[in-house]
C-alpha atoms as a PDB file:
ATOM      1  CA  MET A   1     -84.384  -7.802  47.094  1.00  0.00           C
ATOM      2  CA  ASN A   2     -87.597  -9.191  48.584  1.00  0.00           C
ATOM      3  CA  LEU A   3     -90.277  -6.495  48.831  1.00  0.00           C
ATOM      4  CA  ILE A   4     -93.370  -8.695  49.221  1.00  0.00           C
ATOM      5  CA  ASN A   5     -95.775  -7.375  51.910  1.00  0.00           C
ATOM      6  CA  LYS A   6     -93.690  -4.213  52.356  1.00  0.00           C
ATOM      7  CA  LYS A   7     -95.743  -1.116  53.148  1.00  0.00           C
ATOM      8  CA  VAL A   8     -95.670   1.842  50.757  1.00  0.00           C
ATOM      9  CA  THR A   9     -97.382   5.175  50.195  1.00  0.00           C
ATOM     10  CA  HIS A  10     -98.279   6.417  46.709  1.00  0.00           C
ATOM     11  CA  GLU A  11     -98.791  10.152  46.146  1.00  0.00           C
ATOM     12  CA  ARG A  12    -102.154   9.512  44.481  1.00  0.00           C
ATOM     13  CA  PHE A  13    -103.459   6.128  45.679  1.00  0.00           C
ATOM     14  CA  GLY A  14    -102.342   6.394  49.281  1.00  0.00           C
ATOM     15  CA  MET A  15    -101.072   3.526  51.457  1.00  0.00           C
ATOM     16  CA  GLY A  16    -100.673   0.040  50.087  1.00  0.00           C
ATOM     17  CA  SER A  17     -98.821  -3.244  50.300  1.00  0.00           C
ATOM     18  CA  ILE A  18     -96.562  -4.854  47.695  1.00  0.00           C
ATOM     19  CA  VAL A  19     -98.020  -8.168  46.498  1.00  0.00           C
ATOM     20  CA  LYS A  20     -95.814  -8.947  43.451  1.00  0.00           C
ATOM     21  CA  HIS A  21     -92.592  -7.683  41.875  1.00  0.00           C
ATOM     22  CA  ASN A  22     -89.804  -8.681  39.501  1.00  0.00           C
ATOM     23  CA  ASP A  23     -86.927  -6.904  37.761  1.00  0.00           C
ATOM     24  CA  SER A  24     -89.208  -4.755  35.622  1.00  0.00           C
ATOM     25  CA  SER A  25     -92.603  -4.404  37.342  1.00  0.00           C
ATOM     26  CA  ILE A  26     -94.243  -4.199  40.742  1.00  0.00           C
ATOM     27  CA  GLU A  27     -97.865  -4.748  41.856  1.00  0.00           C
ATOM     28  CA  ILE A  28     -99.296  -2.977  44.869  1.00  0.00           C
ATOM     29  CA  HIS A  29    -102.616  -3.585  46.597  1.00  0.00           C
ATOM     30  CA  PHE A  30    -104.227  -0.378  47.804  1.00  0.00           C
ATOM     31  CA  ALA A  31    -107.422  -0.032  49.843  1.00  0.00           C
ATOM     32  CA  SER A  32    -109.769  -0.302  46.867  1.00  0.00           C
ATOM     33  CA  GLU A  33    -107.716  -1.755  44.019  1.00  0.00           C
ATOM     34  CA  SER A  34    -104.388  -3.206  42.844  1.00  0.00           C
ATOM     35  CA  LYS A  35    -102.049  -1.334  40.518  1.00  0.00           C
ATOM     36  CA  LYS A  36     -98.997  -2.303  38.477  1.00  0.00           C
ATOM     37  CA  PHE A  37     -96.030   0.025  38.006  1.00  0.00           C
ATOM     38  CA  VAL A  38     -92.652   0.022  36.292  1.00  0.00           C
ATOM     39  CA  PHE A  39     -89.948  -1.142  38.694  1.00  0.00           C
ATOM     40  CA  PRO A  40     -87.891   0.524  40.078  1.00  0.00           C
ATOM     41  CA  ASP A  41     -88.834   3.737  38.209  1.00  0.00           C
ATOM     42  CA  VAL A  42     -91.992   4.332  40.238  1.00  0.00           C
ATOM     43  CA  PHE A  43     -89.996   4.794  43.439  1.00  0.00           C
ATOM     44  CA  GLY A  44     -88.553   8.172  44.295  1.00  0.00           C
ATOM     45  CA  LYS A  45     -91.083  10.736  43.082  1.00  0.00           C
ATOM     46  CA  HIS A  46     -94.327   8.750  43.219  1.00  0.00           C
ATOM     47  CA  LEU A  47     -93.882   5.908  45.679  1.00  0.00           C
ATOM     48  CA  LYS A  48     -92.203   5.675  49.087  1.00  0.00           C
ATOM     49  CA  LEU A  49     -91.195   2.632  51.120  1.00  0.00           C
ATOM     50  CA  HIS A  50     -91.997   2.872  54.825  1.00  0.00           C
ATOM     51  CA  ASP A  51     -89.049   0.776  55.969  1.00  0.00           C
ATOM     52  CA  LYS A  52     -85.952   3.038  55.967  1.00  0.00           C
ATOM     53  CA  SER A  53     -83.496   0.146  55.592  1.00  0.00           C
ATOM     54  CA  ASP A  54     -85.353  -1.205  52.571  1.00  0.00           C
ATOM     55  CA  ALA A  55     -85.676   2.330  51.204  1.00  0.00           C
ATOM     56  CA  ASN A  56     -81.887   2.831  51.431  1.00  0.00           C
ATOM     57  CA  SER A  57     -81.193  -0.494  49.727  1.00  0.00           C
ATOM     58  CA  LEU A  58     -83.678   0.336  47.001  1.00  0.00           C
ATOM     59  CA  GLU A  59     -82.113   3.769  46.523  1.00  0.00           C
ATOM     60  CA  LYS A  60     -78.764   2.116  45.821  1.00  0.00           C
ATOM     61  CA  ILE A  61     -80.413  -0.163  43.256  1.00  0.00           C
ATOM     62  CA  ILE A  62     -82.052   2.848  41.590  1.00  0.00           C
ATOM     63  CA  GLN A  63     -78.755   4.776  41.529  1.00  0.00           C
ATOM     64  CA  LYS A  64     -76.978   1.776  39.995  1.00  0.00           C
ATOM     65  CA  LYS A  65     -79.656   1.455  37.317  1.00  0.00           C
ATOM     66  CA  GLU A  66     -79.504   5.189  36.565  1.00  0.00           C
ATOM     67  CA  MET A  67     -75.731   4.953  36.185  1.00  0.00           C
ATOM     68  CA  GLU A  68     -76.114   1.990  33.833  1.00  0.00           C
ATOM     69  CA  GLN A  69     -78.660   3.972  31.814  1.00  0.00           C
ATOM     70  CA  LYS A  70     -76.301   6.937  31.620  1.00  0.00           C
ATOM     71  CA  LYS A  71     -73.460   4.682  30.461  1.00  0.00           C
ATOM     72  CA  GLU A  72     -75.769   3.232  27.819  1.00  0.00           C
ATOM     73  CA  GLU A  73     -76.730   6.748  26.716  1.00  0.00           C
ATOM     74  CA  TRP A  74     -73.041   7.764  26.571  1.00  0.00           C
ATOM     75  CA  LYS A  75     -72.295   4.663  24.539  1.00  0.00           C
ATOM     76  CA  LYS A  76     -75.121   5.435  22.114  1.00  0.00           C
ATOM     77  CA  GLU A  77     -73.928   9.030  21.796  1.00  0.00           C
ATOM     78  CA  GLU A  78     -70.368   7.875  21.096  1.00  0.00           C
ATOM     79  CA  GLU A  79     -71.715   5.493  18.449  1.00  0.00           C
ATOM     80  CA  LYS A  80     -73.684   8.361  16.889  1.00  0.00           C
ATOM     81  CA  GLN A  81     -70.585  10.560  16.852  1.00  0.00           C
ATOM     82  CA  LEU A  82     -68.564   7.735  15.292  1.00  0.00           C
ATOM     83  CA  GLN A  83     -71.276   7.216  12.660  1.00  0.00           C
ATOM     84  CA  ARG A  84     -71.264  10.960  11.904  1.00  0.00           C
ATOM     85  CA  LYS A  85     -67.476  10.945  11.597  1.00  0.00           C
ATOM     86  CA  ASN A  86     -67.543   7.881   9.326  1.00  0.00           C
ATOM     87  CA  GLN A  87     -70.256   9.515   7.236  1.00  0.00           C
ATOM     88  CA  GLU A  88     -68.126  12.659   6.888  1.00  0.00           C
ATOM     89  CA  LEU A  89     -65.143  10.529   5.855  1.00  0.00           C
ATOM     90  CA  ARG A  90     -67.295   8.663   3.318  1.00  0.00           C
ATOM     91  CA  LEU A  91     -68.527  11.939   1.842  1.00  0.00           C
ATOM     92  CA  GLU A  92     -64.982  13.282   1.679  1.00  0.00           C
ATOM     93  CA  HIS A  93     -63.839  10.015   0.104  1.00  0.00           C
ATOM     94  CA  GLU A  94     -66.648  10.128  -2.481  1.00  0.00           C
ATOM     95  CA  LYS A  95     -65.849  13.746  -3.273  1.00  0.00           C
ATOM     96  CA  LEU A  96     -62.173  12.992  -3.810  1.00  0.00           C
ATOM     97  CA  MET A  97     -63.032   9.963  -5.929  1.00  0.00           C
ATOM     98  CA  LYS A  98     -65.474  11.945  -8.051  1.00  0.00           C
ATOM     99  CA  ASN A  99     -63.235  14.973  -8.553  1.00  0.00           C
ATOM    100  CA  HIS A 100     -59.947  13.129  -8.970  1.00  0.00           C
ATOM    101  CA  LYS A 101     -57.767  14.347 -11.827  1.00  0.00           C
ATOM    102  CA  LEU A 102     -55.018  12.111 -13.141  1.00  0.00           C
ATOM    103  CA  HIS A 103     -51.506  13.177 -12.240  1.00  0.00           C
ATOM    104  CA  THR A 104     -48.924  12.207 -14.867  1.00  0.00           C
ATOM    105  CA  GLU A 105     -46.608  10.956 -12.111  1.00  0.00           C
ATOM    106  CA  SER A 106     -48.880   9.112  -9.702  1.00  0.00           C
ATOM    107  CA  GLN A 107     -46.901   5.858  -9.495  1.00  0.00           C
ATOM    108  CA  MET A 108     -44.552   4.993  -6.646  1.00  0.00           C
ATOM    109  CA  VAL A 109     -41.269   3.102  -6.705  1.00  0.00           C
ATOM    110  CA  PHE A 110     -40.275   1.746  -3.316  1.00  0.00           C
ATOM    111  CA  TRP A 111     -36.829   0.739  -2.082  1.00  0.00           C
ATOM    112  CA  CYS A 112     -37.164  -2.513  -0.132  1.00  0.00           C
ATOM    113  CA  ASP A 113     -34.500  -3.322   2.416  1.00  0.00           C
ATOM    114  CA  THR A 114     -33.713  -6.960   3.241  1.00  0.00           C
ATOM    115  CA  GLU A 115     -36.563  -7.358   5.742  1.00  0.00           C
ATOM    116  CA  GLU A 116     -39.069  -5.557   3.526  1.00  0.00           C
ATOM    117  CA  GLN A 117     -38.307  -7.846   0.605  1.00  0.00           C
ATOM    118  CA  ASN A 118     -40.151 -10.550   2.555  1.00  0.00           C
ATOM    119  CA  SER A 119     -42.792  -8.521   4.416  1.00  0.00           C
ATOM    120  CA  SER A 120     -43.882  -6.554   1.347  1.00  0.00           C
ATOM    121  CA  PHE A 121     -45.061  -9.763  -0.302  1.00  0.00           C
ATOM    122  CA  SER A 122     -46.284 -11.647   2.762  1.00  0.00           C
ATOM    123  CA  GLU A 123     -48.376  -8.668   3.933  1.00  0.00           C
ATOM    124  CA  TRP A 124     -48.793  -7.023   0.517  1.00  0.00           C
ATOM    125  CA  LYS A 125     -48.253  -3.503   1.759  1.00  0.00           C
ATOM    126  CA  VAL A 126     -45.430  -1.018   2.317  1.00  0.00           C
ATOM    127  CA  PHE A 127     -44.882   1.745   4.838  1.00  0.00           C
ATOM    128  CA  SER A 128     -44.114   5.185   3.455  1.00  0.00           C
ATOM    129  CA  GLY A 129     -41.838   6.119   6.362  1.00  0.00           C
ATOM    130  CA  VAL A 130     -41.952   9.087   8.712  1.00  0.00           C
ATOM    131  CA  ILE A 131     -41.382  12.807   8.290  1.00  0.00           C
ATOM    132  CA  LYS A 132     -37.816  13.702   9.305  1.00  0.00           C
ATOM    133  CA  SER A 133     -38.210  17.371  10.262  1.00  0.00           C
ATOM    134  CA  GLY A 134     -40.613  20.252  10.790  1.00  0.00           C
ATOM    135  CA  ASN A 135     -43.825  20.505  12.790  1.00  0.00           C
ATOM    136  CA  ASN A 136     -44.952  17.039  11.680  1.00  0.00           C
ATOM    137  CA  LYS A 137     -41.667  15.316  12.506  1.00  0.00           C
ATOM    138  CA  GLY A 138     -42.201  11.660  13.409  1.00  0.00           C
ATOM    139  CA  LYS A 139     -45.619  11.419  11.736  1.00  0.00           C
ATOM    140  CA  PRO A 140     -46.096   9.031   8.784  1.00  0.00           C
ATOM    141  CA  ASN A 141     -45.575  10.414   5.292  1.00  0.00           C
ATOM    142  CA  LYS A 142     -48.800  10.832   3.349  1.00  0.00           C
ATOM    143  CA  PRO A 143     -48.404   9.396  -0.172  1.00  0.00           C
ATOM    144  CA  ILE A 144     -50.597  12.220  -1.509  1.00  0.00           C
ATOM    145  CA  ARG A 145     -50.269  11.389  -5.224  1.00  0.00           C
ATOM    146  CA  LEU A 146     -51.468   7.820  -4.878  1.00  0.00           C
ATOM    147  CA  HIS A 147     -55.040   7.112  -5.905  1.00  0.00           C
ATOM    148  CA  GLN A 148     -57.089   4.333  -7.504  1.00  0.00           C
ATOM    149  CA  ASN A 149     -54.982   4.584 -10.645  1.00  0.00           C
ATOM    150  CA  SER A 150     -51.683   4.168  -8.780  1.00  0.00           C
ATOM    151  CA  ALA A 151     -49.332   1.227  -8.503  1.00  0.00           C
ATOM    152  CA  VAL A 152     -46.407   0.561  -6.197  1.00  0.00           C
ATOM    153  CA  LEU A 153     -43.261  -0.848  -7.760  1.00  0.00           C
ATOM    154  CA  LEU A 154     -41.075  -2.858  -5.377  1.00  0.00           C
ATOM    155  CA  THR A 155     -37.336  -2.715  -6.017  1.00  0.00           C
ATOM    156  CA  ALA A 156     -34.120  -3.744  -4.283  1.00  0.00           C
ATOM    157  CA  ILE A 157     -30.371  -3.666  -4.743  1.00  0.00           C
ATOM    158  CA  ASP A 158     -27.634  -5.674  -3.056  1.00  0.00           C
ATOM    159  CA  SER A 159     -25.378  -3.487  -0.920  1.00  0.00           C
ATOM    160  CA  SER A 160     -22.337  -4.611  -2.915  1.00  0.00           C
ATOM    161  CA  MET A 161     -23.878  -3.724  -6.295  1.00  0.00           C
ATOM    162  CA  PRO A 162     -23.971  -0.359  -8.103  1.00  0.00           C
ATOM    163  CA  GLU A 163     -27.257   1.548  -8.310  1.00  0.00           C
ATOM    164  CA  LYS A 164     -27.656   0.756 -12.009  1.00  0.00           C
ATOM    165  CA  ASP A 165     -28.270  -2.900 -11.071  1.00  0.00           C
ATOM    166  CA  ARG A 166     -31.436  -2.109  -9.062  1.00  0.00           C
ATOM    167  CA  ARG A 167     -33.921  -4.927  -9.756  1.00  0.00           C
ATOM    168  CA  ILE A 168     -37.706  -4.929  -9.890  1.00  0.00           C
ATOM    169  CA  LEU A 169     -39.109  -7.454  -7.386  1.00  0.00           C
ATOM    170  CA  GLY A 170     -42.811  -7.032  -8.003  1.00  0.00           C
ATOM    171  CA  VAL A 171     -45.652  -4.568  -8.392  1.00  0.00           C
ATOM    172  CA  TYR A 172     -49.174  -4.022  -7.133  1.00  0.00           C
ATOM    173  CA  MET A 173     -52.077  -1.644  -7.648  1.00  0.00           C
ATOM    174  CA  VAL A 174     -53.120   0.126  -4.464  1.00  0.00           C
ATOM    175  CA  ASN A 175     -56.252  -1.097  -2.718  1.00  0.00           C
ATOM    176  CA  GLU A 176     -59.528  -0.279  -4.482  1.00  0.00           C
ATOM    177  CA  ASP A 177     -60.579   2.453  -2.040  1.00  0.00           C
ATOM    178  CA  PHE A 178     -57.128   3.839  -1.194  1.00  0.00           C
ATOM    179  CA  ILE A 179     -56.626   7.624  -1.315  1.00  0.00           C
ATOM    180  CA  GLY A 180     -53.176   8.899  -0.378  1.00  0.00           C
ATOM    181  CA  LYS A 181     -54.469  12.235   0.922  1.00  0.00           C
ATOM    182  CA  LEU A 182     -56.517  10.385   3.540  1.00  0.00           C
ATOM    183  CA  CYS A 183     -53.769   7.945   4.551  1.00  0.00           C
ATOM    184  CA  GLU A 184     -52.936   8.659   8.208  1.00  0.00           C
ATOM    185  CA  ASP A 185     -50.811   5.627   9.103  1.00  0.00           C
ATOM    186  CA  GLY A 186     -48.468   5.579   6.091  1.00  0.00           C
ATOM    187  CA  ASN A 187     -49.411   2.019   5.136  1.00  0.00           C
ATOM    188  CA  ILE A 188     -50.135   1.452   1.451  1.00  0.00           C
ATOM    189  CA  PRO A 189     -52.129  -1.792   1.011  1.00  0.00           C
ATOM    190  CA  ALA A 190     -52.331  -3.796  -2.205  1.00  0.00           C
ATOM    191  CA  HIS A 191     -55.303  -4.372  -4.477  1.00  0.00           C
ATOM    192  CA  SER A 192     -57.096  -7.668  -3.834  1.00  0.00           C
ATOM    193  CA  LYS A 193     -56.338  -8.935  -7.349  1.00  0.00           C
ATOM    194  CA  TYR A 194     -53.733  -6.872  -9.180  1.00  0.00           C
ATOM    195  CA  ARG A 195     -50.455  -7.870  -7.537  1.00  0.00           C
ATOM    196  CA  LEU A 196     -47.432  -9.576  -9.066  1.00  0.00           C
ATOM    197  CA  GLN A 197     -44.256 -11.025  -7.577  1.00  0.00           C
ATOM    198  CA  LEU A 198     -41.305 -11.849  -9.817  1.00  0.00           C
ATOM    199  CA  THR A 199     -39.086 -14.874  -9.414  1.00  0.00           C
ATOM    200  CA  GLU A 200     -35.391 -14.241  -8.810  1.00  0.00           C
ATOM    201  CA  GLN A 201     -34.647 -15.172 -12.436  1.00  0.00           C
ATOM    202  CA  GLU A 202     -37.378 -12.828 -13.708  1.00  0.00           C
ATOM    203  CA  SER A 203     -36.204 -10.051 -11.420  1.00  0.00           C
ATOM    204  CA  ASP A 204     -32.657 -10.282 -12.815  1.00  0.00           C
ATOM    205  CA  GLN A 205     -34.107  -9.419 -16.232  1.00  0.00           C
ATOM    206  CA  MET A 206     -36.088  -6.395 -14.991  1.00  0.00           C
ATOM    207  CA  LEU A 207     -33.690  -3.540 -14.239  1.00  0.00           C
ATOM    208  CA  PHE A 208     -35.419  -0.473 -12.871  1.00  0.00           C
ATOM    209  CA  TRP A 209     -33.129   2.032 -14.590  1.00  0.00           C
ATOM    210  CA  GLU A 210     -34.070   0.733 -18.025  1.00  0.00           C
ATOM    211  CA  TYR A 211     -37.391   2.517 -17.476  1.00  0.00           C
ATOM    212  CA  TYR A 212     -36.656   5.331 -15.035  1.00  0.00           C
ATOM    213  CA  VAL A 213     -34.725   8.516 -15.715  1.00  0.00           C
ATOM    214  CA  ASN A 214     -34.271  11.811 -13.945  1.00  0.00           C
ATOM    215  CA  GLU A 215     -35.043  14.184 -16.813  1.00  0.00           C
ATOM    216  CA  LYS A 216     -33.048  16.968 -15.128  1.00  0.00           C
ATOM    217  CA  SER A 217     -29.956  14.739 -15.020  1.00  0.00           C
ATOM    218  CA  PRO A 218     -30.612  11.988 -17.603  1.00  0.00           C
ATOM    219  CA  GLN A 219     -27.077  10.606 -17.404  1.00  0.00           C
ATOM    220  CA  LYS A 220     -27.112  10.165 -13.623  1.00  0.00           C
ATOM    221  CA  ILE A 221     -28.120   6.865 -12.054  1.00  0.00           C
ATOM    222  CA  THR A 222     -28.463   7.778  -8.390  1.00  0.00           C
ATOM    223  CA  TRP A 223     -31.206   7.188  -5.845  1.00  0.00           C
ATOM    224  CA  ASN A 224     -29.857   9.529  -3.171  1.00  0.00           C
ATOM    225  CA  THR A 225     -32.173   9.483  -0.100  1.00  0.00           C
ATOM    226  CA  GLY A 226     -35.697   8.418   0.807  1.00  0.00           C
ATOM    227  CA  LYS A 227     -37.679   5.178   0.712  1.00  0.00           C
ATOM    228  CA  TYR A 228     -39.730   6.050  -2.330  1.00  0.00           C
ATOM    229  CA  ARG A 229     -40.253   8.420  -5.212  1.00  0.00           C
ATOM    230  CA  TYR A 230     -43.002   9.097  -7.710  1.00  0.00           C
ATOM    231  CA  PHE A 231     -42.612   8.435 -11.402  1.00  0.00           C
ATOM    232  CA  GLU A 232     -44.493   8.563 -14.696  1.00  0.00           C
ATOM    233  CA  ASN A 233     -47.609   6.525 -15.371  1.00  0.00           C
ATOM    234  CA  SER A 234     -46.356   5.482 -18.817  1.00  0.00           C
ATOM    235  CA  TRP A 235     -43.155   4.022 -17.340  1.00  0.00           C
ATOM    236  CA  LEU A 236     -45.171   1.707 -15.112  1.00  0.00           C
ATOM    237  CA  ALA A 237     -47.213   0.626 -18.122  1.00  0.00           C
ATOM    238  CA  GLN A 238     -43.954  -0.230 -19.944  1.00  0.00           C
ATOM    239  CA  ILE A 239     -42.844  -2.318 -16.965  1.00  0.00           C
ATOM    240  CA  LEU A 240     -46.148  -4.200 -16.813  1.00  0.00           C
ATOM    241  CA  LEU A 241     -46.070  -4.921 -20.532  1.00  0.00           C
ATOM    242  CA  ASP A 242     -42.571  -6.398 -20.225  1.00  0.00           C
ATOM    243  CA  ILE A 243     -43.674  -8.505 -17.247  1.00  0.00           C
ATOM    244  CA  VAL A 244     -46.445  -9.954 -19.418  1.00  0.00           C
ATOM    245  CA  SER A 245     -43.806 -11.047 -21.956  1.00  0.00           C
ATOM    246  CA  LEU A 246     -41.587 -12.354 -19.180  1.00  0.00           C
ATOM    247  CA  LYS A 247     -44.142 -14.642 -17.534  1.00  0.00           C
ATOM    248  CA  SER A 248     -44.094 -18.243 -18.812  1.00  0.00           C
ATOM    249  CA  ASP A 249     -46.758 -19.709 -16.521  1.00  0.00           C
ATOM    250  CA  PRO A 250     -50.138 -19.338 -18.321  1.00  0.00           C
ATOM    251  CA  LYS A 251     -52.075 -18.273 -15.201  1.00  0.00           C
ATOM    252  CA  GLU A 252     -49.457 -15.724 -14.154  1.00  0.00           C
ATOM    253  CA  ARG A 253     -49.212 -14.416 -17.702  1.00  0.00           C
ATOM    254  CA  GLU A 254     -52.996 -14.012 -17.864  1.00  0.00           C
ATOM    255  CA  LEU A 255     -53.039 -12.125 -14.551  1.00  0.00           C
ATOM    256  CA  ALA A 256     -50.189  -9.902 -15.743  1.00  0.00           C
ATOM    257  CA  GLN A 257     -52.129  -9.163 -18.950  1.00  0.00           C
ATOM    258  CA  GLN A 258     -55.275  -8.297 -16.976  1.00  0.00           C
ATOM    259  CA  PHE A 259     -53.177  -6.139 -14.642  1.00  0.00           C
ATOM    260  CA  PHE A 260     -51.695  -4.284 -17.623  1.00  0.00           C
ATOM    261  CA  GLU A 261     -55.093  -3.694 -19.244  1.00  0.00           C
ATOM    262  CA  HIS A 262     -56.640  -2.517 -15.956  1.00  0.00           C
ATOM    263  CA  PHE A 263     -53.724  -0.161 -15.322  1.00  0.00           C
ATOM    264  CA  CYS A 264     -53.933   1.354 -18.813  1.00  0.00           C
ATOM    265  CA  LYS A 265     -57.680   1.850 -18.428  1.00  0.00           C
ATOM    266  CA  MET A 266     -57.281   3.542 -15.036  1.00  0.00           C
ATOM    267  CA  ASN A 267     -54.532   5.831 -16.381  1.00  0.00           C
ATOM    268  CA  GLN A 268     -56.115   6.498 -19.784  1.00  0.00           C
ATOM    269  CA  ILE A 269     -53.143   4.966 -21.603  1.00  0.00           C
ATOM    270  CA  THR A 270     -53.503   3.483 -25.081  1.00  0.00           C
ATOM    271  CA  ASP A 271     -51.154   0.522 -25.293  1.00  0.00           C
ATOM    272  CA  GLN A 272     -50.700   0.950 -29.067  1.00  0.00           C
ATOM    273  CA  GLU A 273     -49.240   4.407 -28.464  1.00  0.00           C
ATOM    274  CA  LEU A 274     -47.046   3.339 -25.544  1.00  0.00           C
ATOM    275  CA  PRO A 275     -43.408   4.314 -26.276  1.00  0.00           C
ATOM    276  CA  LYS A 276     -40.500   1.914 -25.808  1.00  0.00           C
ATOM    277  CA  PRO A 277     -38.586   2.088 -22.506  1.00  0.00           C
ATOM    278  CA  ASN A 278     -36.019   4.884 -22.559  1.00  0.00           C
ATOM    279  CA  GLY A 279     -34.593   4.937 -19.044  1.00  0.00           C
ATOM    280  CA  ALA A 280     -31.164   6.097 -17.967  1.00  0.00           C
ATOM    281  CA  LEU A 281     -29.545   2.755 -18.852  1.00  0.00           C
ATOM    282  CA  MET A 282     -30.799   3.141 -22.426  1.00  0.00           C
ATOM    283  CA  ARG A 283     -29.069   6.519 -22.751  1.00  0.00           C
ATOM    284  CA  ILE A 284     -25.571   5.549 -21.702  1.00  0.00           C
END
């Protein structure tokens, strides 16, 4: 918009003529002196254009700029609110981390279907499923017992095989900052380092029911329903120790050993006092 030589009236300096202007400033020559002002802010309350057509065009420019400023203010306010929310989540996270008490059964065993047997290892995460009934029906399950000390054991069984032949496919610690109580989407991501996948030959030697037992019905080998269940910390330690013995590749064996030591440290388990596996298969 070209405003050069346009006549204006200022509430204090009187009539004048515009001699210079750009997107941020405007210079006006009055009877006795020239003055610079912020453009277009000076218009409206302090400065008036004589030409009505120019004044209308300028008013539209001012309104557009005001709207842009409001949008910028809204954006900044939204960012502040998001920062406050993130800060609250961080404080809640720190509180939960600081006050966490070990649960004796804070490990998860997961039943992988055919598709999940691939995705669990390619994406290194599992989905806890959705709530089947009640007020929260359809929402993801919160794996509330899982914490920094928790691991997820991946298992599978062929549809033609009995439950006692359930195999262990792999295992991973949960991500370093994962807290089940705060998990809203049901996804349980793996630790960046402590994750192990077994070969098919290794998996055939790792039967889940050699470690797991339902103490209320120790002779029963049944999964019943659900994608996952919690189980004892010491049982997972037994599994990890056997995986260490199972691994023949030096690098994989070293990782398995580090995994085992990290897990024992996180769960306050002394490996010398770790009992031998005594799952349901051992009691038949």
